[in-house]
N, C-alpha and C. Protein backbone atom coordinates (compact mmCIF):
# COMPACT_ATOMS: atom_id res chain seq x y z
N MET A 1 -6.70 -13.56 -1.72
CA MET A 1 -5.76 -12.65 -1.42
C MET A 1 -6.24 -11.12 -2.01
N LEU A 2 -6.51 -11.29 -3.47
CA LEU A 2 -6.87 -9.96 -4.16
C LEU A 2 -8.32 -9.53 -3.48
N ALA A 3 -9.11 -10.26 -3.23
CA ALA A 3 -10.45 -9.75 -2.51
C ALA A 3 -10.40 -9.44 -1.19
N LEU A 4 -9.37 -9.88 -0.46
CA LEU A 4 -8.93 -9.25 0.92
C LEU A 4 -8.46 -7.80 0.85
N LYS A 5 -7.65 -7.66 -0.13
CA LYS A 5 -6.79 -6.46 -0.48
C LYS A 5 -7.63 -5.31 -0.83
N GLY A 6 -8.76 -5.83 -1.88
CA GLY A 6 -9.65 -5.07 -2.20
C GLY A 6 -10.72 -4.67 -1.22
N ALA A 7 -11.23 -5.47 -0.25
CA ALA A 7 -11.97 -5.19 0.66
C ALA A 7 -11.60 -4.02 1.60
N ALA A 8 -10.24 -4.43 1.85
CA ALA A 8 -9.46 -3.51 2.78
C ALA A 8 -9.31 -2.11 2.20
N GLY A 9 -8.98 -1.95 0.90
CA GLY A 9 -9.10 -0.52 0.26
C GLY A 9 -10.39 -0.03 0.14
N ILE A 10 -11.47 -0.72 0.11
CA ILE A 10 -12.84 -0.17 0.14
C ILE A 10 -12.93 0.65 1.56
N VAL A 11 -12.75 -0.48 2.40
CA VAL A 11 -13.11 0.02 3.69
C VAL A 11 -12.36 1.31 4.24
N LEU A 12 -11.03 1.15 3.96
CA LEU A 12 -10.21 2.28 4.33
C LEU A 12 -10.26 3.58 3.46
N GLY A 13 -10.76 3.28 2.39
CA GLY A 13 -11.13 4.63 1.42
C GLY A 13 -12.49 5.21 2.19
N LEU A 14 -13.54 4.39 2.46
CA LEU A 14 -14.86 5.15 3.12
C LEU A 14 -14.53 5.48 4.23
N VAL A 15 -13.46 5.21 5.28
CA VAL A 15 -13.23 5.68 6.32
C VAL A 15 -12.60 7.03 6.19
N GLY A 16 -11.52 7.15 5.05
CA GLY A 16 -10.91 8.36 4.81
C GLY A 16 -11.96 9.40 4.23
N ILE A 17 -12.98 8.92 3.64
CA ILE A 17 -14.06 9.94 3.10
C ILE A 17 -14.99 10.54 3.98
N SER A 18 -15.14 9.55 5.16
CA SER A 18 -16.12 9.82 6.27
C SER A 18 -15.55 10.77 7.32
N TRP A 19 -14.27 10.66 7.52
CA TRP A 19 -13.12 11.45 8.61
C TRP A 19 -12.15 11.67 8.14
N PRO A 20 -11.97 12.87 7.35
CA PRO A 20 -10.54 13.19 6.75
C PRO A 20 -10.00 13.90 7.84
N ALA A 21 -10.08 14.51 8.76
CA ALA A 21 -9.19 15.15 9.69
C ALA A 21 -8.77 14.04 10.70
N ILE A 22 -9.62 13.18 11.09
CA ILE A 22 -9.12 11.92 11.90
C ILE A 22 -8.07 11.21 11.21
N THR A 23 -8.40 10.84 9.60
CA THR A 23 -7.70 10.00 8.79
C THR A 23 -6.31 10.76 8.76
N LEU A 24 -5.86 12.07 8.48
CA LEU A 24 -4.74 12.89 8.53
C LEU A 24 -4.13 12.95 9.62
N LEU A 25 -4.78 13.01 10.85
CA LEU A 25 -4.11 13.28 12.21
C LEU A 25 -3.46 11.61 12.47
N THR A 26 -4.35 10.55 12.10
CA THR A 26 -3.91 9.24 12.32
C THR A 26 -2.58 8.90 11.71
N LEU A 27 -2.54 9.38 10.48
CA LEU A 27 -1.12 9.00 9.49
C LEU A 27 -0.22 9.63 10.23
N VAL A 28 -0.12 10.91 10.71
CA VAL A 28 0.85 11.36 11.46
C VAL A 28 1.36 10.74 12.67
N LEU A 29 0.36 10.40 13.64
CA LEU A 29 0.31 9.85 14.84
C LEU A 29 0.99 8.26 14.59
N ALA A 30 0.60 7.72 13.49
CA ALA A 30 0.83 6.32 13.01
C ALA A 30 2.54 6.45 12.64
N PHE A 31 3.07 7.64 12.07
CA PHE A 31 4.23 7.71 11.66
C PHE A 31 5.09 8.00 12.94
N ALA A 32 4.78 8.81 13.86
CA ALA A 32 5.39 9.37 15.09
C ALA A 32 5.64 7.91 16.04
N ALA A 33 4.46 6.96 16.06
CA ALA A 33 4.62 5.81 16.71
C ALA A 33 5.81 4.68 16.12
N TYR A 34 5.49 5.09 14.83
CA TYR A 34 6.51 3.90 14.19
C TYR A 34 8.11 4.34 14.49
N CYS A 35 8.34 5.62 14.35
CA CYS A 35 9.62 6.20 14.98
C CYS A 35 9.96 6.10 16.22
N ILE A 36 8.96 6.06 17.13
CA ILE A 36 9.26 5.48 18.77
C ILE A 36 9.48 4.27 18.49
N ILE A 37 8.98 3.33 18.16
CA ILE A 37 9.16 1.91 18.16
C ILE A 37 10.75 1.85 17.42
N GLY A 38 10.99 2.51 16.44
CA GLY A 38 12.66 2.50 15.90
C GLY A 38 13.25 2.90 16.65
N VAL A 39 13.12 3.74 17.44
CA VAL A 39 14.01 4.33 18.63
C VAL A 39 14.30 2.96 19.63
N GLY A 40 13.47 2.52 20.14
CA GLY A 40 13.76 1.48 21.17
C GLY A 40 14.48 0.39 20.41
N LEU A 41 14.12 -0.32 19.25
CA LEU A 41 14.75 -1.05 18.61
C LEU A 41 16.11 -0.87 18.20
N SER A 42 16.27 0.24 17.62
CA SER A 42 17.84 0.92 17.48
C SER A 42 18.62 0.88 18.72
N GLU A 43 18.12 1.35 19.82
CA GLU A 43 18.85 1.25 21.06
C GLU A 43 19.10 -0.14 21.39
N VAL A 44 18.23 -1.16 21.34
CA VAL A 44 18.20 -2.62 21.91
C VAL A 44 19.81 -3.18 20.89
N LEU A 45 19.54 -2.62 19.48
CA LEU A 45 20.71 -3.31 18.69
C LEU A 45 21.97 -2.72 19.04
N GLY A 46 22.02 -1.38 19.28
CA GLY A 46 23.21 -0.57 19.72
C GLY A 46 23.93 -1.28 20.68
N VAL A 47 23.01 -1.66 22.00
CA VAL A 47 23.56 -2.24 23.24
C VAL A 47 24.13 -3.67 22.93
N ARG A 48 23.22 -4.41 21.85
CA ARG A 48 23.92 -5.82 21.83
C ARG A 48 25.26 -5.63 20.89
N TRP A 49 25.05 -4.70 19.87
CA TRP A 49 26.44 -4.71 19.11
C TRP A 49 27.57 -3.99 20.26
N ALA A 50 27.50 -3.26 21.07
CA ALA A 50 28.45 -2.79 21.76
C ALA A 50 28.92 -3.88 22.86
N ARG A 51 27.97 -4.58 23.23
CA ARG A 51 28.31 -5.73 24.35
C ARG A 51 29.32 -6.59 23.51
N TYR A 52 29.01 -6.99 22.09
CA TYR A 52 29.92 -7.96 21.33
C TYR A 52 31.03 -7.24 20.69
N GLY A 53 31.35 -6.01 21.23
CA GLY A 53 32.55 -5.27 20.31
C GLY A 53 32.38 -4.76 19.07
N GLY A 54 30.80 -4.70 18.32
CA GLY A 54 30.53 -4.22 17.10
C GLY A 54 30.36 -2.67 17.32
N HIS A 55 30.02 -2.07 16.20
CA HIS A 55 29.85 -0.66 15.98
C HIS A 55 28.44 -0.45 16.63
N TRP A 56 28.38 0.56 17.57
CA TRP A 56 26.95 0.84 18.25
C TRP A 56 26.68 2.26 17.84
N VAL A 57 27.54 2.97 17.03
CA VAL A 57 27.32 4.11 16.55
C VAL A 57 26.25 4.42 15.59
N TRP A 58 26.15 3.48 14.67
CA TRP A 58 25.01 3.67 13.80
C TRP A 58 23.71 3.52 14.30
N PRO A 59 23.73 2.47 15.02
CA PRO A 59 22.14 2.39 15.62
C PRO A 59 21.89 3.43 16.53
N THR A 60 22.91 4.08 17.03
CA THR A 60 22.67 5.28 18.13
C THR A 60 22.12 6.52 17.18
N LEU A 61 23.12 6.41 16.05
CA LEU A 61 22.39 7.82 15.15
C LEU A 61 20.90 7.70 14.70
N THR A 62 20.57 6.19 14.33
CA THR A 62 19.49 6.14 13.80
C THR A 62 18.29 6.21 14.65
N ALA A 63 18.57 5.85 15.92
CA ALA A 63 17.61 6.10 17.21
C ALA A 63 17.52 7.68 17.29
N VAL A 64 18.47 8.58 17.31
CA VAL A 64 18.36 10.03 17.41
C VAL A 64 17.68 10.50 16.13
N ALA A 65 18.08 10.09 15.01
CA ALA A 65 17.00 10.50 13.75
C ALA A 65 15.60 10.07 14.03
N ALA A 66 15.23 8.80 14.45
CA ALA A 66 13.83 8.62 14.46
C ALA A 66 13.27 9.40 15.56
N LEU A 67 14.00 9.65 16.73
CA LEU A 67 13.51 10.16 17.82
C LEU A 67 13.05 11.87 17.36
N THR A 68 14.24 12.51 16.58
CA THR A 68 13.82 13.67 15.93
C THR A 68 12.59 13.87 15.18
N ALA A 69 12.39 12.61 14.30
CA ALA A 69 11.19 12.52 13.41
C ALA A 69 10.12 12.40 14.24
N ALA A 70 10.05 11.91 15.48
CA ALA A 70 8.99 11.55 15.95
C ALA A 70 8.32 12.93 16.53
N SER A 71 9.59 13.34 17.33
CA SER A 71 9.23 14.61 17.85
C SER A 71 8.56 16.05 16.85
N ILE A 72 9.17 15.92 15.54
CA ILE A 72 8.45 16.86 14.93
C ILE A 72 7.20 16.43 14.59
N ALA A 73 6.96 15.28 14.24
CA ALA A 73 5.52 14.74 13.85
C ALA A 73 4.72 14.93 15.00
N LEU A 74 4.83 14.99 16.18
CA LEU A 74 3.91 15.15 17.27
C LEU A 74 4.02 16.69 17.62
N LEU A 75 4.99 17.66 17.71
CA LEU A 75 4.99 18.79 18.06
C LEU A 75 4.53 19.72 16.94
N ASN A 76 4.79 19.32 15.59
CA ASN A 76 4.44 20.13 14.74
C ASN A 76 4.07 19.30 13.35
N PRO A 77 2.69 18.81 13.37
CA PRO A 77 2.57 17.78 12.17
C PRO A 77 2.48 18.44 10.94
N GLY A 78 2.40 19.71 10.66
CA GLY A 78 2.25 20.18 9.46
C GLY A 78 3.29 19.93 8.39
N PRO A 79 4.79 19.87 8.85
CA PRO A 79 5.61 19.50 7.99
C PRO A 79 5.82 18.06 7.72
N THR A 80 5.00 17.26 8.46
CA THR A 80 5.02 16.09 8.62
C THR A 80 4.00 15.42 7.41
N VAL A 81 2.91 16.27 7.27
CA VAL A 81 2.23 15.93 6.55
C VAL A 81 2.62 16.42 5.06
N VAL A 82 3.21 17.60 5.03
CA VAL A 82 3.80 17.95 3.62
C VAL A 82 4.92 16.89 3.19
N ALA A 83 5.67 16.35 3.86
CA ALA A 83 6.78 15.37 3.61
C ALA A 83 5.86 14.17 3.22
N PHE A 84 4.74 13.61 3.90
CA PHE A 84 4.05 12.67 3.37
C PHE A 84 3.53 12.66 1.84
N ALA A 85 2.93 14.07 1.90
CA ALA A 85 2.09 14.00 0.39
C ALA A 85 3.22 14.07 -0.55
N ILE A 86 4.59 14.45 -0.27
CA ILE A 86 5.52 14.35 -1.37
C ILE A 86 6.14 12.86 -1.56
N MET A 87 5.95 12.30 -0.34
CA MET A 87 6.77 10.78 -0.70
C MET A 87 5.28 10.05 -1.19
N LEU A 88 4.18 10.45 -0.84
CA LEU A 88 2.86 9.61 -1.77
C LEU A 88 2.91 9.99 -2.81
N ALA A 89 3.32 11.20 -3.39
CA ALA A 89 3.22 11.36 -5.07
C ALA A 89 4.35 10.48 -5.43
N ILE A 90 5.63 10.36 -5.11
CA ILE A 90 6.46 9.65 -5.50
C ILE A 90 6.17 8.35 -5.49
N TRP A 91 5.69 7.68 -4.43
CA TRP A 91 4.98 6.51 -4.36
C TRP A 91 4.22 5.92 -5.39
N ALA A 92 2.97 6.79 -5.53
CA ALA A 92 1.94 6.86 -6.50
C ALA A 92 2.32 6.74 -8.02
N ILE A 93 3.23 7.33 -8.28
CA ILE A 93 3.79 7.54 -9.62
C ILE A 93 4.49 6.25 -9.88
N VAL A 94 5.59 5.57 -8.96
CA VAL A 94 6.03 4.58 -9.36
C VAL A 94 5.29 3.30 -9.32
N THR A 95 4.49 3.14 -8.29
CA THR A 95 3.59 2.14 -7.97
C THR A 95 2.67 2.10 -9.22
N GLY A 96 1.79 3.15 -9.76
CA GLY A 96 1.09 3.25 -10.75
C GLY A 96 1.81 2.84 -12.12
N ASP A 97 3.08 3.08 -12.55
CA ASP A 97 3.70 2.80 -13.48
C ASP A 97 3.91 1.37 -13.39
N LEU A 98 4.46 0.72 -12.24
CA LEU A 98 4.54 -0.70 -12.22
C LEU A 98 3.46 -1.29 -12.53
N HIS A 99 2.33 -1.29 -11.66
CA HIS A 99 1.18 -1.64 -11.98
C HIS A 99 0.62 -1.75 -13.44
N HIS A 100 0.66 -0.65 -14.18
CA HIS A 100 0.33 -0.49 -15.51
C HIS A 100 1.41 -1.57 -16.30
N ARG A 101 2.52 -1.59 -16.16
CA ARG A 101 3.47 -2.53 -16.80
C ARG A 101 2.82 -4.06 -16.27
N ARG A 102 2.66 -4.23 -15.30
CA ARG A 102 2.40 -5.51 -14.76
C ARG A 102 0.95 -5.95 -15.50
N GLY A 103 0.06 -4.95 -15.67
CA GLY A 103 -1.43 -4.95 -15.92
C GLY A 103 -1.36 -5.33 -17.63
N CYS A 104 -0.12 -5.22 -18.23
CA CYS A 104 -0.12 -5.33 -19.67
C CYS A 104 0.29 -6.93 -20.12
N THR A 105 0.77 -7.60 -18.82
CA THR A 105 1.26 -9.33 -18.93
C THR A 105 0.50 -10.36 -18.99
N PRO A 106 -0.71 -10.06 -18.03
CA PRO A 106 -1.73 -11.19 -17.79
C PRO A 106 -2.32 -11.60 -19.09
N PRO A 107 -2.93 -12.85 -19.22
CA PRO A 107 -3.89 -12.94 -20.37
C PRO A 107 -5.19 -11.81 -20.13
N ARG A 108 -5.93 -12.00 -21.61
CA ARG A 108 -7.09 -11.04 -21.29
C ARG A 108 -7.98 -11.52 -20.33
N ASP A 109 -8.32 -13.00 -20.22
CA ASP A 109 -9.25 -13.56 -19.72
C ASP A 109 -8.93 -13.34 -17.95
N HIS A 110 -7.86 -12.97 -17.46
CA HIS A 110 -7.34 -12.71 -16.19
C HIS A 110 -7.84 -11.44 -15.58
N GLY A 111 -8.29 -10.57 -16.26
CA GLY A 111 -8.71 -9.22 -15.83
C GLY A 111 -7.51 -8.36 -16.22
N ARG A 112 -6.86 -8.38 -17.22
CA ARG A 112 -5.63 -7.41 -17.71
C ARG A 112 -6.31 -5.82 -17.61
N LEU A 113 -7.62 -5.53 -18.05
CA LEU A 113 -8.03 -4.27 -18.24
C LEU A 113 -8.38 -3.72 -16.42
N TRP A 114 -8.74 -4.30 -15.71
CA TRP A 114 -9.07 -4.14 -14.46
C TRP A 114 -7.72 -3.88 -13.72
N MET A 115 -6.61 -4.87 -14.12
CA MET A 115 -5.29 -4.42 -13.44
C MET A 115 -4.80 -3.14 -13.96
N LEU A 116 -5.06 -2.71 -15.02
CA LEU A 116 -4.46 -1.58 -15.84
C LEU A 116 -5.24 -0.36 -15.05
N ILE A 117 -6.60 -0.54 -14.67
CA ILE A 117 -7.43 0.55 -14.15
C ILE A 117 -6.99 0.72 -12.78
N SER A 118 -7.12 -0.60 -12.17
CA SER A 118 -6.88 -0.42 -10.59
C SER A 118 -5.43 0.07 -10.16
N GLY A 119 -4.61 -0.76 -10.61
CA GLY A 119 -3.12 -0.37 -10.54
C GLY A 119 -2.29 0.82 -11.19
N GLY A 120 -2.72 0.72 -12.36
CA GLY A 120 -2.18 1.74 -13.33
C GLY A 120 -2.72 2.99 -13.41
N ALA A 121 -3.99 3.16 -13.82
CA ALA A 121 -4.37 4.43 -14.33
C ALA A 121 -4.79 5.15 -12.82
N ALA A 122 -5.60 4.78 -12.01
CA ALA A 122 -5.79 5.26 -10.57
C ALA A 122 -4.95 5.51 -9.90
N VAL A 123 -3.80 5.01 -9.61
CA VAL A 123 -2.78 5.34 -8.62
C VAL A 123 -1.75 6.23 -9.45
N LEU A 124 -1.75 6.11 -10.68
CA LEU A 124 -0.67 7.04 -11.45
C LEU A 124 -1.28 8.29 -11.55
N LEU A 125 -2.39 8.47 -11.77
CA LEU A 125 -3.11 9.82 -11.98
C LEU A 125 -3.08 10.51 -10.51
N LEU A 126 -3.36 9.78 -9.52
CA LEU A 126 -3.41 10.49 -8.07
C LEU A 126 -1.92 10.88 -7.80
N GLY A 127 -0.64 9.89 -8.27
CA GLY A 127 0.62 10.62 -7.91
C GLY A 127 0.86 11.85 -9.11
N LEU A 128 0.20 11.67 -10.10
CA LEU A 128 0.65 13.09 -10.91
C LEU A 128 -0.05 14.08 -10.95
N ALA A 129 -1.25 13.91 -10.17
CA ALA A 129 -2.15 15.12 -9.39
C ALA A 129 -1.16 15.58 -8.29
N LEU A 130 -1.01 15.11 -7.32
CA LEU A 130 0.06 15.40 -6.30
C LEU A 130 1.18 16.18 -6.56
N ALA A 131 1.70 15.57 -7.50
CA ALA A 131 3.12 16.40 -8.04
C ALA A 131 2.89 17.62 -8.78
N ALA A 132 1.56 17.61 -9.77
CA ALA A 132 1.42 18.81 -10.40
C ALA A 132 0.83 19.98 -9.68
N VAL A 133 0.26 19.61 -8.60
CA VAL A 133 -0.54 20.73 -7.72
C VAL A 133 -0.05 20.50 -6.29
N PRO A 134 1.29 20.67 -6.06
CA PRO A 134 1.55 20.41 -4.60
C PRO A 134 0.94 21.17 -3.30
N PRO A 135 0.54 22.29 -3.72
CA PRO A 135 -0.19 22.84 -2.42
C PRO A 135 -1.61 22.61 -2.42
N LEU A 136 -2.05 21.49 -2.51
CA LEU A 136 -3.56 20.80 -2.50
C LEU A 136 -3.87 20.94 -1.15
N ASP A 137 -5.06 21.11 -0.96
CA ASP A 137 -5.60 21.30 0.36
C ASP A 137 -5.57 19.74 1.12
N LEU A 138 -4.95 19.92 2.27
CA LEU A 138 -4.80 18.59 2.91
C LEU A 138 -5.94 17.79 2.96
N PHE A 139 -6.97 18.25 3.07
CA PHE A 139 -8.16 17.28 3.17
C PHE A 139 -8.53 16.53 1.75
N THR A 140 -8.34 17.60 0.61
CA THR A 140 -8.48 17.14 -0.61
C THR A 140 -7.66 15.89 -0.96
N LEU A 141 -6.42 16.14 -0.26
CA LEU A 141 -5.38 15.03 -0.56
C LEU A 141 -5.99 13.83 0.34
N VAL A 142 -6.37 13.90 1.19
CA VAL A 142 -7.32 12.60 2.13
C VAL A 142 -8.22 12.10 1.37
N TRP A 143 -9.16 12.88 0.73
CA TRP A 143 -10.08 12.40 -0.09
C TRP A 143 -9.66 11.81 -1.18
N MET A 144 -8.67 12.53 -2.00
CA MET A 144 -8.12 11.60 -3.24
C MET A 144 -7.38 10.36 -2.85
N ILE A 145 -6.75 10.16 -1.75
CA ILE A 145 -6.38 8.79 -1.34
C ILE A 145 -7.39 8.01 -1.22
N ALA A 146 -8.52 8.27 -0.39
CA ALA A 146 -9.67 7.73 0.01
C ALA A 146 -10.51 7.03 -1.28
N VAL A 147 -10.75 7.99 -2.20
CA VAL A 147 -11.36 7.59 -3.11
C VAL A 147 -10.59 6.87 -4.19
N GLY A 148 -9.21 7.07 -4.34
CA GLY A 148 -8.30 6.09 -5.21
C GLY A 148 -8.41 4.58 -4.48
N MET A 149 -8.34 4.55 -3.32
CA MET A 149 -8.10 3.27 -2.37
C MET A 149 -9.59 2.70 -2.62
N ALA A 150 -10.77 3.26 -2.42
CA ALA A 150 -11.90 2.58 -2.85
C ALA A 150 -12.01 2.19 -4.12
N ALA A 151 -11.68 3.09 -5.03
CA ALA A 151 -11.72 2.55 -6.66
C ALA A 151 -10.84 1.28 -6.89
N SER A 152 -9.62 1.46 -6.40
CA SER A 152 -8.57 0.24 -6.43
C SER A 152 -9.35 -0.85 -5.89
N GLY A 153 -10.17 -0.80 -4.82
CA GLY A 153 -10.41 -1.75 -3.93
C GLY A 153 -11.48 -2.54 -4.88
N PHE A 154 -12.39 -1.74 -5.42
CA PHE A 154 -13.42 -1.95 -6.39
C PHE A 154 -13.06 -2.88 -7.24
N ALA A 155 -12.07 -2.53 -8.33
CA ALA A 155 -11.35 -2.98 -9.14
C ALA A 155 -10.35 -4.49 -8.83
N LEU A 156 -9.90 -4.37 -7.71
CA LEU A 156 -9.30 -5.75 -7.14
C LEU A 156 -10.25 -6.80 -6.78
N LEU A 157 -11.51 -6.20 -6.19
CA LEU A 157 -12.57 -7.20 -5.96
C LEU A 157 -13.12 -7.88 -7.48
N ARG A 158 -13.14 -6.89 -8.44
CA ARG A 158 -13.81 -7.45 -9.97
C ARG A 158 -12.39 -8.41 -10.49
N ILE A 159 -11.22 -8.13 -10.35
CA ILE A 159 -10.14 -9.12 -10.78
C ILE A 159 -10.32 -10.51 -9.72
N ALA A 160 -10.46 -10.57 -8.58
CA ALA A 160 -10.68 -11.55 -7.59
C ALA A 160 -11.90 -12.38 -8.15
N PHE A 161 -13.00 -11.81 -8.41
CA PHE A 161 -14.35 -12.32 -9.10
C PHE A 161 -13.89 -13.23 -10.28
N ARG A 162 -13.18 -12.64 -11.30
CA ARG A 162 -12.97 -13.11 -12.53
C ARG A 162 -11.93 -14.24 -12.50
N LEU A 163 -11.07 -14.27 -11.45
CA LEU A 163 -10.11 -15.11 -11.22
C LEU A 163 -10.90 -16.31 -10.87
N CYS A 164 -11.73 -16.29 -9.78
CA CYS A 164 -12.62 -17.54 -9.07
C CYS A 164 -13.53 -17.85 -10.19
N LEU A 165 -14.15 -17.02 -11.22
CA LEU A 165 -14.67 -17.49 -12.14
C LEU A 165 -13.71 -18.54 -13.21
N HIS A 166 -12.81 -18.02 -13.42
CA HIS A 166 -11.79 -18.86 -14.52
C HIS A 166 -11.18 -20.07 -13.72
N ASN A 167 -10.77 -20.11 -12.27
CA ASN A 167 -10.69 -21.25 -11.72
C ASN A 167 -11.78 -22.13 -11.65
N ARG A 168 -12.88 -21.91 -11.59
CA ARG A 168 -14.01 -22.92 -11.47
C ARG A 168 -14.13 -23.31 -12.71
N ASP A 169 -14.17 -22.58 -13.80
CA ASP A 169 -14.24 -23.22 -15.15
C ASP A 169 -13.16 -24.17 -15.46
N HIS A 170 -12.00 -23.73 -15.22
CA HIS A 170 -10.83 -24.69 -15.54
C HIS A 170 -10.92 -25.90 -14.46
N ARG A 171 -11.30 -25.89 -13.24
CA ARG A 171 -11.55 -27.28 -12.31
C ARG A 171 -12.78 -27.75 -13.15
N THR A 172 -13.92 -27.39 -13.79
CA THR A 172 -14.85 -28.09 -14.21
C THR A 172 -14.24 -28.68 -15.58
N HIS A 173 -13.68 -28.11 -16.26
CA HIS A 173 -13.00 -28.60 -17.58
C HIS A 173 -12.22 -29.89 -17.10
N VAL A 174 -11.26 -29.81 -16.34
CA VAL A 174 -10.58 -30.89 -15.71
C VAL A 174 -11.31 -31.93 -15.32
N ASP A 175 -12.49 -31.76 -14.59
CA ASP A 175 -13.02 -33.00 -13.97
C ASP A 175 -13.86 -33.40 -15.10
N ARG A 176 -14.23 -32.96 -16.32
CA ARG A 176 -14.77 -33.86 -17.21
C ARG A 176 -13.78 -34.52 -18.11
N ARG A 177 -12.46 -34.57 -17.83
CA ARG A 177 -11.63 -35.33 -18.79
C ARG A 177 -11.94 -36.84 -18.26
N PRO A 178 -11.81 -37.79 -19.36
CA PRO A 178 -12.09 -39.00 -19.07
C PRO A 178 -10.97 -39.59 -18.26
N LYS A 179 -11.21 -40.43 -17.14
CA LYS A 179 -10.22 -40.91 -16.29
C LYS A 179 -9.62 -42.20 -16.71
N ALA A 180 -8.31 -42.35 -16.84
CA ALA A 180 -7.39 -43.42 -17.31
C ALA A 180 -8.13 -44.76 -16.61
N ALA A 181 -8.07 -46.05 -17.13
CA ALA A 181 -8.74 -46.97 -16.70
C ALA A 181 -7.44 -47.70 -15.97
N THR A 182 -7.75 -48.15 -14.81
CA THR A 182 -6.76 -48.84 -14.04
C THR A 182 -7.09 -50.12 -14.10
N ARG A 183 -5.87 -51.05 -14.01
CA ARG A 183 -6.12 -52.54 -14.21
C ARG A 183 -6.12 -53.08 -12.73
N PRO A 184 -6.45 -54.00 -12.38
CA PRO A 184 -6.61 -54.85 -11.13
C PRO A 184 -5.02 -55.33 -11.10
N SER A 185 -4.55 -54.87 -9.61
CA SER A 185 -3.61 -55.61 -9.47
C SER A 185 -3.43 -57.00 -8.69
C-alpha cells in the first residue's frame, strides 16, 4: 500500500508540475462537483426524513450551503482557490506534525528517517511556507504541492522497499529454523 501511495504521489506531482493551470482549475471543479453531489444526497436524505416524520430542515440547509459553495466555485473560482490554500496550509501543518510524531515511533530498520522526511519535514514545511506567505502566486502553490507530493511519493517508495527487504529477510530467517520432528500416528 505504501508503494501504491508513493507511486500515486509521484504521478500526481509530475502532473501538477507539468500542467499547473489545469491542476488548479481541476481542484476548483472537483470541489464544485463534490458540492453538487452533496446537494443531491442531502435532498434525498431530507425527503426520506420528511417521509418518516423526521427533521428535514438540516439536510435541506446543508443542500443550500453546498449549492452556494458550488456556485461560488464555478462563477468566481478565485475565492475558492484562496480558501483552498488556507485549508491546505492547516492540513499540511497538522498532517506533517502527526507524521513527524509517528515517524519517531517505528524501529530504525523500518525506515524511521524516511517517515520523518516524507510525512514530517516535507509536508510540515509546505504548511509553514503557505501559512507564512499567504499571498503566494497560485502557480507557485500548485508547484509546491506537486513537488511535495513527488518528494513524499519517492520517500514512501523507499519505505516500501525497505519493508519488503525486511519482510524477505524475516521470512528467510523463519524458514531456516529447524522443523519439529513429527511422530507417525
